[in-house]
Amino acid sequence: MENLSDQVISEFKDVVADAEALLKATANQGDSKIVELRANAEESLKVVKARLAEAQVALLARTREAAKATDTYVHENPWKAIGVAASFGLVIGLLMGRR
């Protein structure tokens, strides 16, 4: 299951792809206003793509840090981790058993 950040990034990539397709579709339009709008849109897309790439790198870094912290905690406190996991398993089992 994707988390919210992954979903937002995925949907934003779809929007960027749609905007690029629209720009390509209007590439043969010669009206000066359209040419100016295309240039502005292309520049905006370039900036957005760069920011999206930066956000993705930052998200991956935070995810790795969280995974490393979790791994460290579990190695330092194995019985607590087992207890928490067993508790979650018990609660999920009870909830599923009620259905």
PDB file of N, CA and C in Angstrom:
ATOM      1  N   MET A   1       0.842  -1.177   0.000  1.00  0.00           N
ATOM      2  CA  MET A   1       0.000   0.000   0.000  1.00  0.00           C
ATOM      3  C   MET A   1       0.891   1.246   0.000  1.00  0.00           C
ATOM      4  N   GLU A   2       0.643   2.115  -0.910  1.00  0.00           N
ATOM      5  CA  GLU A   2       1.422   3.339  -1.000  1.00  0.00           C
ATOM      6  C   GLU A   2       1.040   4.296   0.122  1.00  0.00           C
ATOM      7  N   ASN A   3       2.046   5.016   0.628  1.00  0.00           N
ATOM      8  CA  ASN A   3       1.697   6.032   1.613  1.00  0.00           C
ATOM      9  C   ASN A   3       1.289   7.305   0.882  1.00  0.00           C
ATOM     10  N   LEU A   4       0.842   8.273   1.633  1.00  0.00           N
ATOM     11  CA  LEU A   4       0.302   9.499   1.056  1.00  0.00           C
ATOM     12  C   LEU A   4       1.342  10.238   0.220  1.00  0.00           C
ATOM     13  N   SER A   5       2.575  10.307   0.694  1.00  0.00           N
ATOM     14  CA  SER A   5       3.622  11.013  -0.046  1.00  0.00           C
ATOM     15  C   SER A   5       3.865  10.366  -1.400  1.00  0.00           C
ATOM     16  N   ASP A   6       3.909   9.025  -1.420  1.00  0.00           N
ATOM     17  CA  ASP A   6       4.109   8.315  -2.684  1.00  0.00           C
ATOM     18  C   ASP A   6       2.951   8.562  -3.641  1.00  0.00           C
ATOM     19  N   GLN A   7       1.736   8.606  -3.104  1.00  0.00           N
ATOM     20  CA  GLN A   7       0.567   8.853  -3.946  1.00  0.00           C
ATOM     21  C   GLN A   7       0.606  10.256  -4.534  1.00  0.00           C
ATOM     22  N   VAL A   8       0.985  11.232  -3.715  1.00  0.00           N
ATOM     23  CA  VAL A   8       1.057  12.615  -4.196  1.00  0.00           C
ATOM     24  C   VAL A   8       2.114  12.735  -5.281  1.00  0.00           C
ATOM     25  N   ILE A   9       3.268  12.134  -5.067  1.00  0.00           N
ATOM     26  CA  ILE A   9       4.336  12.191  -6.068  1.00  0.00           C
ATOM     27  C   ILE A   9       3.887  11.516  -7.357  1.00  0.00           C
ATOM     28  N   SER A  10       3.230  10.377  -7.242  1.00  0.00           N
ATOM     29  CA  SER A  10       2.744   9.665  -8.422  1.00  0.00           C
ATOM     30  C   SER A  10       1.715  10.489  -9.197  1.00  0.00           C
ATOM     31  N   GLU A  11       0.773  11.080  -8.469  1.00  0.00           N
ATOM     32  CA  GLU A  11      -0.247  11.893  -9.132  1.00  0.00           C
ATOM     33  C   GLU A  11       0.370  13.145  -9.749  1.00  0.00           C
ATOM     34  N   PHE A  12       1.347  13.719  -9.083  1.00  0.00           N
ATOM     35  CA  PHE A  12       2.006  14.911  -9.611  1.00  0.00           C
ATOM     36  C   PHE A  12       2.779  14.572 -10.882  1.00  0.00           C
ATOM     37  N   LYS A  13       3.407  13.401 -10.920  1.00  0.00           N
ATOM     38  CA  LYS A  13       4.098  12.954 -12.133  1.00  0.00           C
ATOM     39  C   LYS A  13       3.102  12.802 -13.282  1.00  0.00           C
ATOM     40  N   ASP A  14       1.910  12.304 -12.976  1.00  0.00           N
ATOM     41  CA  ASP A  14       0.871  12.165 -14.003  1.00  0.00           C
ATOM     42  C   ASP A  14       0.469  13.537 -14.549  1.00  0.00           C
ATOM     43  N   VAL A  15       0.331  14.519 -13.669  1.00  0.00           N
ATOM     44  CA  VAL A  15      -0.027  15.870 -14.100  1.00  0.00           C
ATOM     45  C   VAL A  15       1.064  16.448 -14.994  1.00  0.00           C
ATOM     46  N   VAL A  16       2.320  16.252 -14.609  1.00  0.00           N
ATOM     47  CA  VAL A  16       3.442  16.750 -15.415  1.00  0.00           C
ATOM     48  C   VAL A  16       3.436  16.074 -16.783  1.00  0.00           C
ATOM     49  N   ALA A  17       3.208  14.775 -16.815  1.00  0.00           N
ATOM     50  CA  ALA A  17       3.168  14.049 -18.088  1.00  0.00           C
ATOM     51  C   ALA A  17       2.035  14.559 -18.971  1.00  0.00           C
ATOM     52  N   ASP A  18       0.874  14.815 -18.381  1.00  0.00           N
ATOM     53  CA  ASP A  18      -0.256  15.350 -19.142  1.00  0.00           C
ATOM     54  C   ASP A  18       0.064  16.740 -19.689  1.00  0.00           C
ATOM     55  N   ALA A  19       0.712  17.567 -18.881  1.00  0.00           N
ATOM     56  CA  ALA A  19       1.079  18.918 -19.332  1.00  0.00           C
ATOM     57  C   ALA A  19       2.082  18.843 -20.476  1.00  0.00           C
ATOM     58  N   GLU A  20       3.032  17.927 -20.375  1.00  0.00           N
ATOM     59  CA  GLU A  20       4.004  17.758 -21.465  1.00  0.00           C
ATOM     60  C   GLU A  20       3.310  17.302 -22.744  1.00  0.00           C
ATOM     61  N   ALA A  21       2.362  16.393 -22.605  1.00  0.00           N
ATOM     62  CA  ALA A  21       1.622  15.918 -23.778  1.00  0.00           C
ATOM     63  C   ALA A  21       0.834  17.062 -24.412  1.00  0.00           C
ATOM     64  N   LEU A  22       0.240  17.912 -23.595  1.00  0.00           N
ATOM     65  CA  LEU A  22      -0.493  19.069 -24.100  1.00  0.00           C
ATOM     66  C   LEU A  22       0.435  20.019 -24.836  1.00  0.00           C
ATOM     67  N   LEU A  23       1.616  20.241 -24.285  1.00  0.00           N
ATOM     68  CA  LEU A  23       2.596  21.115 -24.945  1.00  0.00           C
ATOM     69  C   LEU A  23       3.019  20.541 -26.294  1.00  0.00           C
ATOM     70  N   LYS A  24       3.226  19.248 -26.340  1.00  0.00           N
ATOM     71  CA  LYS A  24       3.605  18.613 -27.604  1.00  0.00           C
ATOM     72  C   LYS A  24       2.473  18.715 -28.624  1.00  0.00           C
ATOM     73  N   ALA A  25       1.242  18.580 -28.160  1.00  0.00           N
ATOM     74  CA  ALA A  25       0.091  18.629 -29.063  1.00  0.00           C
ATOM     75  C   ALA A  25      -0.098  20.017 -29.669  1.00  0.00           C
ATOM     76  N   THR A  26       0.332  21.045 -28.959  1.00  0.00           N
ATOM     77  CA  THR A  26       0.172  22.407 -29.461  1.00  0.00           C
ATOM     78  C   THR A  26       1.458  22.953 -30.085  1.00  0.00           C
ATOM     79  N   ALA A  27       2.411  22.070 -30.338  1.00  0.00           N
ATOM     80  CA  ALA A  27       3.719  22.506 -30.849  1.00  0.00           C
ATOM     81  C   ALA A  27       3.626  23.190 -32.213  1.00  0.00           C
ATOM     82  N   ASN A  28       2.652  22.829 -33.014  1.00  0.00           N
ATOM     83  CA  ASN A  28       2.542  23.384 -34.367  1.00  0.00           C
ATOM     84  C   ASN A  28       1.688  24.646 -34.435  1.00  0.00           C
ATOM     85  N   GLN A  29       1.189  25.105 -33.307  1.00  0.00           N
ATOM     86  CA  GLN A  29       0.373  26.316 -33.289  1.00  0.00           C
ATOM     87  C   GLN A  29       1.295  27.529 -33.431  1.00  0.00           C
ATOM     88  N   GLY A  30       0.976  28.422 -34.346  1.00  0.00           N
ATOM     89  CA  GLY A  30       1.858  29.539 -34.641  1.00  0.00           C
ATOM     90  C   GLY A  30       1.488  30.857 -33.992  1.00  0.00           C
ATOM     91  N   ASP A  31       0.347  30.937 -33.350  1.00  0.00           N
ATOM     92  CA  ASP A  31      -0.086  32.174 -32.724  1.00  0.00           C
ATOM     93  C   ASP A  31       0.952  32.615 -31.683  1.00  0.00           C
ATOM     94  N   SER A  32       1.303  33.905 -31.687  1.00  0.00           N
ATOM     95  CA  SER A  32       2.358  34.401 -30.796  1.00  0.00           C
ATOM     96  C   SER A  32       1.995  34.231 -29.326  1.00  0.00           C
ATOM     97  N   LYS A  33       0.721  34.382 -29.009  1.00  0.00           N
ATOM     98  CA  LYS A  33       0.292  34.210 -27.620  1.00  0.00           C
ATOM     99  C   LYS A  33       0.489  32.761 -27.189  1.00  0.00           C
ATOM    100  N   ILE A  34       0.159  31.814 -28.049  1.00  0.00           N
ATOM    101  CA  ILE A  34       0.329  30.400 -27.741  1.00  0.00           C
ATOM    102  C   ILE A  34       1.815  30.068 -27.597  1.00  0.00           C
ATOM    103  N   VAL A  35       2.643  30.627 -28.457  1.00  0.00           N
ATOM    104  CA  VAL A  35       4.082  30.385 -28.389  1.00  0.00           C
ATOM    105  C   VAL A  35       4.629  30.889 -27.043  1.00  0.00           C
ATOM    106  N   GLU A  36       4.181  32.063 -26.633  1.00  0.00           N
ATOM    107  CA  GLU A  36       4.625  32.629 -25.360  1.00  0.00           C
ATOM    108  C   GLU A  36       4.148  31.760 -24.178  1.00  0.00           C
ATOM    109  N   LEU A  37       2.900  31.337 -24.225  1.00  0.00           N
ATOM    110  CA  LEU A  37       2.365  30.486 -23.167  1.00  0.00           C
ATOM    111  C   LEU A  37       3.094  29.143 -23.099  1.00  0.00           C
ATOM    112  N   ARG A  38       3.404  28.591 -24.271  1.00  0.00           N
ATOM    113  CA  ARG A  38       4.154  27.330 -24.314  1.00  0.00           C
ATOM    114  C   ARG A  38       5.520  27.491 -23.666  1.00  0.00           C
ATOM    115  N   ALA A  39       6.201  28.590 -23.978  1.00  0.00           N
ATOM    116  CA  ALA A  39       7.530  28.826 -23.413  1.00  0.00           C
ATOM    117  C   ALA A  39       7.451  28.936 -21.890  1.00  0.00           C
ATOM    118  N   ASN A  40       6.460  29.661 -21.400  1.00  0.00           N
ATOM    119  CA  ASN A  40       6.277  29.791 -19.951  1.00  0.00           C
ATOM    120  C   ASN A  40       5.952  28.446 -19.306  1.00  0.00           C
ATOM    121  N   ALA A  41       5.092  27.694 -19.950  1.00  0.00           N
ATOM    122  CA  ALA A  41       4.701  26.388 -19.418  1.00  0.00           C
ATOM    123  C   ALA A  41       5.889  25.426 -19.410  1.00  0.00           C
ATOM    124  N   GLU A  42       6.687  25.458 -20.463  1.00  0.00           N
ATOM    125  CA  GLU A  42       7.860  24.585 -20.519  1.00  0.00           C
ATOM    126  C   GLU A  42       8.850  24.929 -19.410  1.00  0.00           C
ATOM    127  N   GLU A  43       9.046  26.201 -19.163  1.00  0.00           N
ATOM    128  CA  GLU A  43       9.954  26.622 -18.089  1.00  0.00           C
ATOM    129  C   GLU A  43       9.406  26.201 -16.729  1.00  0.00           C
ATOM    130  N   SER A  44       8.116  26.390 -16.534  1.00  0.00           N
ATOM    131  CA  SER A  44       7.490  25.981 -15.268  1.00  0.00           C
ATOM    132  C   SER A  44       7.607  24.475 -15.066  1.00  0.00           C
ATOM    133  N   LEU A  45       7.392  23.709 -16.127  1.00  0.00           N
ATOM    134  CA  LEU A  45       7.516  22.258 -16.026  1.00  0.00           C
ATOM    135  C   LEU A  45       8.942  21.848 -15.676  1.00  0.00           C
ATOM    136  N   LYS A  46       9.907  22.528 -16.240  1.00  0.00           N
ATOM    137  CA  LYS A  46      11.303  22.218 -15.947  1.00  0.00           C
ATOM    138  C   LYS A  46      11.582  22.426 -14.459  1.00  0.00           C
ATOM    139  N   VAL A  47      11.087  23.535 -13.915  1.00  0.00           N
ATOM    140  CA  VAL A  47      11.287  23.839 -12.497  1.00  0.00           C
ATOM    141  C   VAL A  47      10.563  22.810 -11.627  1.00  0.00           C
ATOM    142  N   VAL A  48       9.332  22.484 -11.994  1.00  0.00           N
ATOM    143  CA  VAL A  48       8.543  21.528 -11.213  1.00  0.00           C
ATOM    144  C   VAL A  48       9.194  20.153 -11.233  1.00  0.00           C
ATOM    145  N   LYS A  49       9.691  19.734 -12.364  1.00  0.00           N
ATOM    146  CA  LYS A  49      10.342  18.427 -12.452  1.00  0.00           C
ATOM    147  C   LYS A  49      11.585  18.381 -11.570  1.00  0.00           C
ATOM    148  N   ALA A  50      12.345  19.469 -11.542  1.00  0.00           N
ATOM    149  CA  ALA A  50      13.534  19.519 -10.688  1.00  0.00           C
ATOM    150  C   ALA A  50      13.135  19.448  -9.214  1.00  0.00           C
ATOM    151  N   ARG A  51      12.109  20.186  -8.830  1.00  0.00           N
ATOM    152  CA  ARG A  51      11.652  20.169  -7.436  1.00  0.00           C
ATOM    153  C   ARG A  51      11.083  18.795  -7.059  1.00  0.00           C
ATOM    154  N   LEU A  52      10.389  18.180  -7.996  1.00  0.00           N
ATOM    155  CA  LEU A  52       9.848  16.849  -7.748  1.00  0.00           C
ATOM    156  C   LEU A  52      10.973  15.853  -7.522  1.00  0.00           C
ATOM    157  N   ALA A  53      12.016  15.937  -8.315  1.00  0.00           N
ATOM    158  CA  ALA A  53      13.165  15.045  -8.143  1.00  0.00           C
ATOM    159  C   ALA A  53      13.819  15.274  -6.777  1.00  0.00           C
ATOM    160  N   GLU A  54      13.944  16.538  -6.373  1.00  0.00           N
ATOM    161  CA  GLU A  54      14.517  16.854  -5.060  1.00  0.00           C
ATOM    162  C   GLU A  54      13.637  16.304  -3.940  1.00  0.00           C
ATOM    163  N   ALA A  55      12.340  16.447  -4.079  1.00  0.00           N
ATOM    164  CA  ALA A  55      11.414  15.944  -3.057  1.00  0.00           C
ATOM    165  C   ALA A  55      11.494  14.431  -2.951  1.00  0.00           C
ATOM    166  N   GLN A  56      11.640  13.790  -4.091  1.00  0.00           N
ATOM    167  CA  GLN A  56      11.720  12.337  -4.097  1.00  0.00           C
ATOM    168  C   GLN A  56      13.000  11.871  -3.406  1.00  0.00           C
ATOM    169  N   VAL A  57      14.107  12.550  -3.666  1.00  0.00           N
ATOM    170  CA  VAL A  57      15.371  12.206  -3.019  1.00  0.00           C
ATOM    171  C   VAL A  57      15.264  12.415  -1.511  1.00  0.00           C
ATOM    172  N   ALA A  58      14.662  13.534  -1.099  1.00  0.00           N
ATOM    173  CA  ALA A  58      14.500  13.814   0.331  1.00  0.00           C
ATOM    174  C   ALA A  58      13.606  12.768   0.998  1.00  0.00           C
ATOM    175  N   LEU A  59      12.539  12.372   0.320  1.00  0.00           N
ATOM    176  CA  LEU A  59      11.631  11.363   0.858  1.00  0.00           C
ATOM    177  C   LEU A  59      12.343  10.027   1.026  1.00  0.00           C
ATOM    178  N   LEU A  60      13.143   9.652   0.045  1.00  0.00           N
ATOM    179  CA  LEU A  60      13.904   8.405   0.145  1.00  0.00           C
ATOM    180  C   LEU A  60      14.899   8.462   1.298  1.00  0.00           C
ATOM    181  N   ALA A  61      15.541   9.604   1.475  1.00  0.00           N
ATOM    182  CA  ALA A  61      16.505   9.752   2.566  1.00  0.00           C
ATOM    183  C   ALA A  61      15.809   9.615   3.918  1.00  0.00           C
ATOM    184  N   ARG A  62      14.663  10.271   4.069  1.00  0.00           N
ATOM    185  CA  ARG A  62      13.917  10.167   5.334  1.00  0.00           C
ATOM    186  C   ARG A  62      13.438   8.740   5.578  1.00  0.00           C
ATOM    187  N   THR A  63      13.010   8.064   4.525  1.00  0.00           N
ATOM    188  CA  THR A  63      12.555   6.683   4.657  1.00  0.00           C
ATOM    189  C   THR A  63      13.693   5.787   5.104  1.00  0.00           C
ATOM    190  N   ARG A  64      14.875   5.988   4.499  1.00  0.00           N
ATOM    191  CA  ARG A  64      16.041   5.189   4.900  1.00  0.00           C
ATOM    192  C   ARG A  64      16.418   5.462   6.355  1.00  0.00           C
ATOM    193  N   GLU A  65      16.363   6.728   6.768  1.00  0.00           N
ATOM    194  CA  GLU A  65      16.685   7.077   8.156  1.00  0.00           C
ATOM    195  C   GLU A  65      15.703   6.410   9.120  1.00  0.00           C
ATOM    196  N   ALA A  66      14.423   6.433   8.773  1.00  0.00           N
ATOM    197  CA  ALA A  66      13.414   5.807   9.630  1.00  0.00           C
ATOM    198  C   ALA A  66      13.628   4.298   9.705  1.00  0.00           C
ATOM    199  N   ALA A  67      13.941   3.685   8.583  1.00  0.00           N
ATOM    200  CA  ALA A  67      14.182   2.242   8.571  1.00  0.00           C
ATOM    201  C   ALA A  67      15.416   1.898   9.404  1.00  0.00           C
ATOM    202  N   LYS A  68      16.449   2.715   9.288  1.00  0.00           N
ATOM    203  CA  LYS A  68      17.673   2.473  10.055  1.00  0.00           C
ATOM    204  C   LYS A  68      17.405   2.647  11.550  1.00  0.00           C
ATOM    205  N   ALA A  69      16.647   3.679  11.921  1.00  0.00           N
ATOM    206  CA  ALA A  69      16.314   3.898  13.332  1.00  0.00           C
ATOM    207  C   ALA A  69      15.489   2.742  13.877  1.00  0.00           C
ATOM    208  N   THR A  70      14.547   2.258  13.082  1.00  0.00           N
ATOM    209  CA  THR A  70      13.724   1.124  13.499  1.00  0.00           C
ATOM    210  C   THR A  70      14.585  -0.120  13.680  1.00  0.00           C
ATOM    211  N   ASP A  71      15.475  -0.359  12.733  1.00  0.00           N
ATOM    212  CA  ASP A  71      16.367  -1.515  12.802  1.00  0.00           C
ATOM    213  C   ASP A  71      17.240  -1.441  14.056  1.00  0.00           C
ATOM    214  N   THR A  72      17.783  -0.266  14.324  1.00  0.00           N
ATOM    215  CA  THR A  72      18.619  -0.082  15.510  1.00  0.00           C
ATOM    216  C   THR A  72      17.816  -0.341  16.778  1.00  0.00           C
ATOM    217  N   TYR A  73      16.604   0.211  16.851  1.00  0.00           N
ATOM    218  CA  TYR A  73      15.755   0.020  18.030  1.00  0.00           C
ATOM    219  C   TYR A  73      15.443  -1.462  18.244  1.00  0.00           C
ATOM    220  N   VAL A  74      15.107  -2.146  17.181  1.00  0.00           N
ATOM    221  CA  VAL A  74      14.751  -3.561  17.299  1.00  0.00           C
ATOM    222  C   VAL A  74      15.955  -4.375  17.763  1.00  0.00           C
ATOM    223  N   HIS A  75      17.137  -4.046  17.255  1.00  0.00           N
ATOM    224  CA  HIS A  75      18.331  -4.772  17.682  1.00  0.00           C
ATOM    225  C   HIS A  75      18.696  -4.467  19.136  1.00  0.00           C
ATOM    226  N   GLU A  76      18.435  -3.251  19.580  1.00  0.00           N
ATOM    227  CA  GLU A  76      18.746  -2.878  20.961  1.00  0.00           C
ATOM    228  C   GLU A  76      17.672  -3.334  21.939  1.00  0.00           C
ATOM    229  N   ASN A  77      16.450  -3.504  21.489  1.00  0.00           N
ATOM    230  CA  ASN A  77      15.316  -3.882  22.348  1.00  0.00           C
ATOM    231  C   ASN A  77      14.510  -5.008  21.708  1.00  0.00           C
ATOM    232  N   PRO A  78      15.104  -6.183  21.533  1.00  0.00           N
ATOM    233  CA  PRO A  78      14.390  -7.246  20.806  1.00  0.00           C
ATOM    234  C   PRO A  78      13.119  -7.711  21.508  1.00  0.00           C
ATOM    235  N   TRP A  79      13.125  -7.803  22.841  1.00  0.00           N
ATOM    236  CA  TRP A  79      11.939  -8.293  23.532  1.00  0.00           C
ATOM    237  C   TRP A  79      10.799  -7.294  23.485  1.00  0.00           C
ATOM    238  N   LYS A  80      11.120  -6.021  23.560  1.00  0.00           N
ATOM    239  CA  LYS A  80      10.068  -5.010  23.421  1.00  0.00           C
ATOM    240  C   LYS A  80       9.451  -5.078  22.028  1.00  0.00           C
ATOM    241  N   ALA A  81      10.307  -5.226  21.018  1.00  0.00           N
ATOM    242  CA  ALA A  81       9.817  -5.304  19.637  1.00  0.00           C
ATOM    243  C   ALA A  81       8.932  -6.523  19.446  1.00  0.00           C
ATOM    244  N   ILE A  82       9.339  -7.643  20.036  1.00  0.00           N
ATOM    245  CA  ILE A  82       8.529  -8.859  19.930  1.00  0.00           C
ATOM    246  C   ILE A  82       7.180  -8.650  20.632  1.00  0.00           C
ATOM    247  N   GLY A  83       7.218  -8.006  21.801  1.00  0.00           N
ATOM    248  CA  GLY A  83       5.980  -7.738  22.538  1.00  0.00           C
ATOM    249  C   GLY A  83       5.034  -6.840  21.765  1.00  0.00           C
ATOM    250  N   VAL A  84       5.573  -5.791  21.157  1.00  0.00           N
ATOM    251  CA  VAL A  84       4.732  -4.873  20.369  1.00  0.00           C
ATOM    252  C   VAL A  84       4.145  -5.601  19.170  1.00  0.00           C
ATOM    253  N   ALA A  85       4.974  -6.371  18.474  1.00  0.00           N
ATOM    254  CA  ALA A  85       4.487  -7.106  17.300  1.00  0.00           C
ATOM    255  C   ALA A  85       3.426  -8.119  17.695  1.00  0.00           C
ATOM    256  N   ALA A  86       3.633  -8.812  18.820  1.00  0.00           N
ATOM    257  CA  ALA A  86       2.649  -9.791  19.278  1.00  0.00           C
ATOM    258  C   ALA A  86       1.344  -9.105  19.664  1.00  0.00           C
ATOM    259  N   SER A  87       1.444  -7.939  20.288  1.00  0.00           N
ATOM    260  CA  SER A  87       0.242  -7.192  20.667  1.00  0.00           C
ATOM    261  C   SER A  87      -0.562  -6.782  19.442  1.00  0.00           C
ATOM    262  N   PHE A  88       0.134  -6.246  18.437  1.00  0.00           N
ATOM    263  CA  PHE A  88      -0.555  -5.875  17.202  1.00  0.00           C
ATOM    264  C   PHE A  88      -1.191  -7.095  16.559  1.00  0.00           C
ATOM    265  N   GLY A  89      -0.466  -8.198  16.548  1.00  0.00           N
ATOM    266  CA  GLY A  89      -1.009  -9.427  15.974  1.00  0.00           C
ATOM    267  C   GLY A  89      -2.255  -9.898  16.698  1.00  0.00           C
ATOM    268  N   LEU A  90      -2.225  -9.802  18.020  1.00  0.00           N
ATOM    269  CA  LEU A  90      -3.383 -10.203  18.827  1.00  0.00           C
ATOM    270  C   LEU A  90      -4.601  -9.320  18.526  1.00  0.00           C
ATOM    271  N   VAL A  91      -4.376  -8.008  18.498  1.00  0.00           N
ATOM    272  CA  VAL A  91      -5.474  -7.080  18.219  1.00  0.00           C
ATOM    273  C   VAL A  91      -6.048  -7.318  16.823  1.00  0.00           C
ATOM    274  N   ILE A  92      -5.190  -7.470  15.843  1.00  0.00           N
ATOM    275  CA  ILE A  92      -5.656  -7.724  14.470  1.00  0.00           C
ATOM    276  C   ILE A  92      -6.409  -9.048  14.412  1.00  0.00           C
ATOM    277  N   GLY A  93      -5.879 -10.066  15.104  1.00  0.00           N
ATOM    278  CA  GLY A  93      -6.556 -11.370  15.131  1.00  0.00           C
ATOM    279  C   GLY A  93      -7.932 -11.266  15.761  1.00  0.00           C
ATOM    280  N   LEU A  94      -8.042 -10.517  16.852  1.00  0.00           N
ATOM    281  CA  LEU A  94      -9.343 -10.354  17.501  1.00  0.00           C
ATOM    282  C   LEU A  94     -10.317  -9.601  16.591  1.00  0.00           C
ATOM    283  N   LEU A  95      -9.835  -8.571  15.942  1.00  0.00           N
ATOM    284  CA  LEU A  95     -10.708  -7.804  15.046  1.00  0.00           C
ATOM    285  C   LEU A  95     -11.166  -8.653  13.857  1.00  0.00           C
ATOM    286  N   MET A  96     -10.282  -9.436  13.317  1.00  0.00           N
ATOM    287  CA  MET A  96     -10.653 -10.296  12.183  1.00  0.00           C
ATOM    288  C   MET A  96     -11.600 -11.410  12.618  1.00  0.00           C
ATOM    289  N   GLY A  97     -11.422 -11.882  13.848  1.00  0.00           N
ATOM    290  CA  GLY A  97     -12.282 -12.944  14.358  1.00  0.00           C
ATOM    291  C   GLY A  97     -13.708 -12.486  14.600  1.00  0.00           C
ATOM    292  N   ARG A  98     -13.918 -11.222  14.806  1.00  0.00           N
ATOM    293  CA  ARG A  98     -15.268 -10.688  15.031  1.00  0.00           C
ATOM    294  C   ARG A  98     -16.074 -10.627  13.750  1.00  0.00           C
ATOM    295  N   ARG A  99     -15.432 -10.607  12.640  1.00  0.00           N
ATOM    296  CA  ARG A  99     -16.150 -10.460  11.356  1.00  0.00           C
ATOM    297  C   ARG A  99     -16.686 -11.730  10.874  1.00  0.00           C
TER     298      ARG A  99
END
